[in-house]
Amino acid sequence: MAEERPRRLHGRSQELFDALKQAGIIRDGDWVRRVVIDIHVERAVVVHVERYGDERLLDVVQMLGGVEIRTGQDA
């Protein structure tokens, strides 16, 4: 009898999001686009959580007075 293969996880898996919430990596109401778990065998594990910007970002922009923001290659 053939061995049953493990189910693949899908990015929209509720089980996966529940596990990330339980671990404290994401919270209810977060607009998460991507979660990357970067495991380097000789360093600490790094978790990158990419979120969509929302209106809270407007508060951050107001606090950036006097800060120069550059884009592109010119430095």
Protein backbone atom coordinates (compact mmCIF):
# COMPACT_ATOMS: atom_id res chain seq x y z
CA MET A 1 0.00 0.00 0.00
CA ALA A 2 1.37 3.40 -0.97
CA GLU A 3 2.31 5.71 1.87
CA GLU A 4 0.08 8.78 2.09
CA ARG A 5 1.95 11.99 1.43
CA PRO A 6 1.65 14.91 3.85
CA ARG A 7 -0.75 17.66 2.81
CA ARG A 8 0.84 20.74 1.31
CA LEU A 9 0.16 23.96 3.17
CA HIS A 10 -1.42 26.80 1.26
CA GLY A 11 -0.74 30.45 2.07
CA ARG A 12 -4.41 30.92 2.92
CA SER A 13 -4.45 27.99 5.31
CA GLN A 14 -6.40 28.94 8.43
CA GLU A 15 -4.41 26.35 10.39
CA LEU A 16 -1.17 28.06 9.40
CA PHE A 17 -2.44 31.53 10.34
CA ASP A 18 -3.78 30.22 13.64
CA ALA A 19 -0.35 28.72 14.43
CA LEU A 20 1.38 32.04 13.56
CA LYS A 21 -1.09 33.90 15.79
CA GLN A 22 -0.63 31.45 18.64
CA ALA A 23 3.14 31.89 18.35
CA GLY A 24 2.71 35.70 18.54
CA ILE A 25 4.21 36.27 15.09
CA ILE A 26 1.08 37.90 13.70
CA ARG A 27 -2.01 39.36 15.38
CA ASP A 28 -5.73 39.38 14.60
CA GLY A 29 -6.47 42.16 12.15
CA ASP A 30 -2.95 42.26 10.65
CA TRP A 31 -2.92 42.72 6.89
CA VAL A 32 -0.17 40.16 6.28
CA ARG A 33 1.14 39.71 2.75
CA ARG A 34 4.04 37.36 3.37
CA VAL A 35 5.85 35.57 6.19
CA VAL A 36 9.40 34.38 5.56
CA ILE A 37 11.15 32.18 8.10
CA ASP A 38 14.85 32.49 7.27
CA ILE A 39 16.90 29.74 8.89
CA HIS A 40 20.66 30.05 8.61
CA VAL A 41 22.36 27.08 10.22
CA GLU A 42 25.03 29.20 11.92
CA ARG A 43 22.94 32.18 12.98
CA ALA A 44 19.73 33.06 14.76
CA VAL A 45 16.49 32.38 12.92
CA VAL A 46 14.99 35.55 11.40
CA VAL A 47 11.28 35.96 10.71
CA HIS A 48 10.28 38.58 8.15
CA VAL A 49 6.62 39.64 8.26
CA GLU A 50 5.56 41.77 5.32
CA ARG A 51 2.39 43.72 5.97
CA TYR A 52 0.24 45.92 3.79
CA GLY A 53 0.32 49.55 4.83
CA ASP A 54 -2.82 50.99 6.31
CA GLU A 55 -3.90 54.37 7.67
CA ARG A 56 -1.63 53.96 10.72
CA LEU A 57 1.24 54.66 8.36
CA LEU A 58 0.01 58.27 8.10
CA ASP A 59 0.92 58.76 11.78
CA VAL A 60 4.48 57.58 11.08
CA VAL A 61 4.86 59.92 8.11
CA GLN A 62 3.88 62.90 10.28
CA MET A 63 6.64 61.99 12.77
CA LEU A 64 9.30 62.00 10.05
CA GLY A 65 9.62 65.80 10.01
CA GLY A 66 13.22 66.79 9.30
CA VAL A 67 14.11 63.35 7.99
CA GLU A 68 15.32 63.10 4.42
CA ILE A 69 13.96 60.12 2.52
CA ARG A 70 15.77 59.16 -0.66
CA THR A 71 14.74 56.69 -3.30
CA GLY A 72 16.74 55.17 -6.13
CA GLN A 73 20.51 54.82 -6.49
CA ASP A 74 21.53 58.46 -5.87
CA ALA A 75 23.15 58.89 -2.49
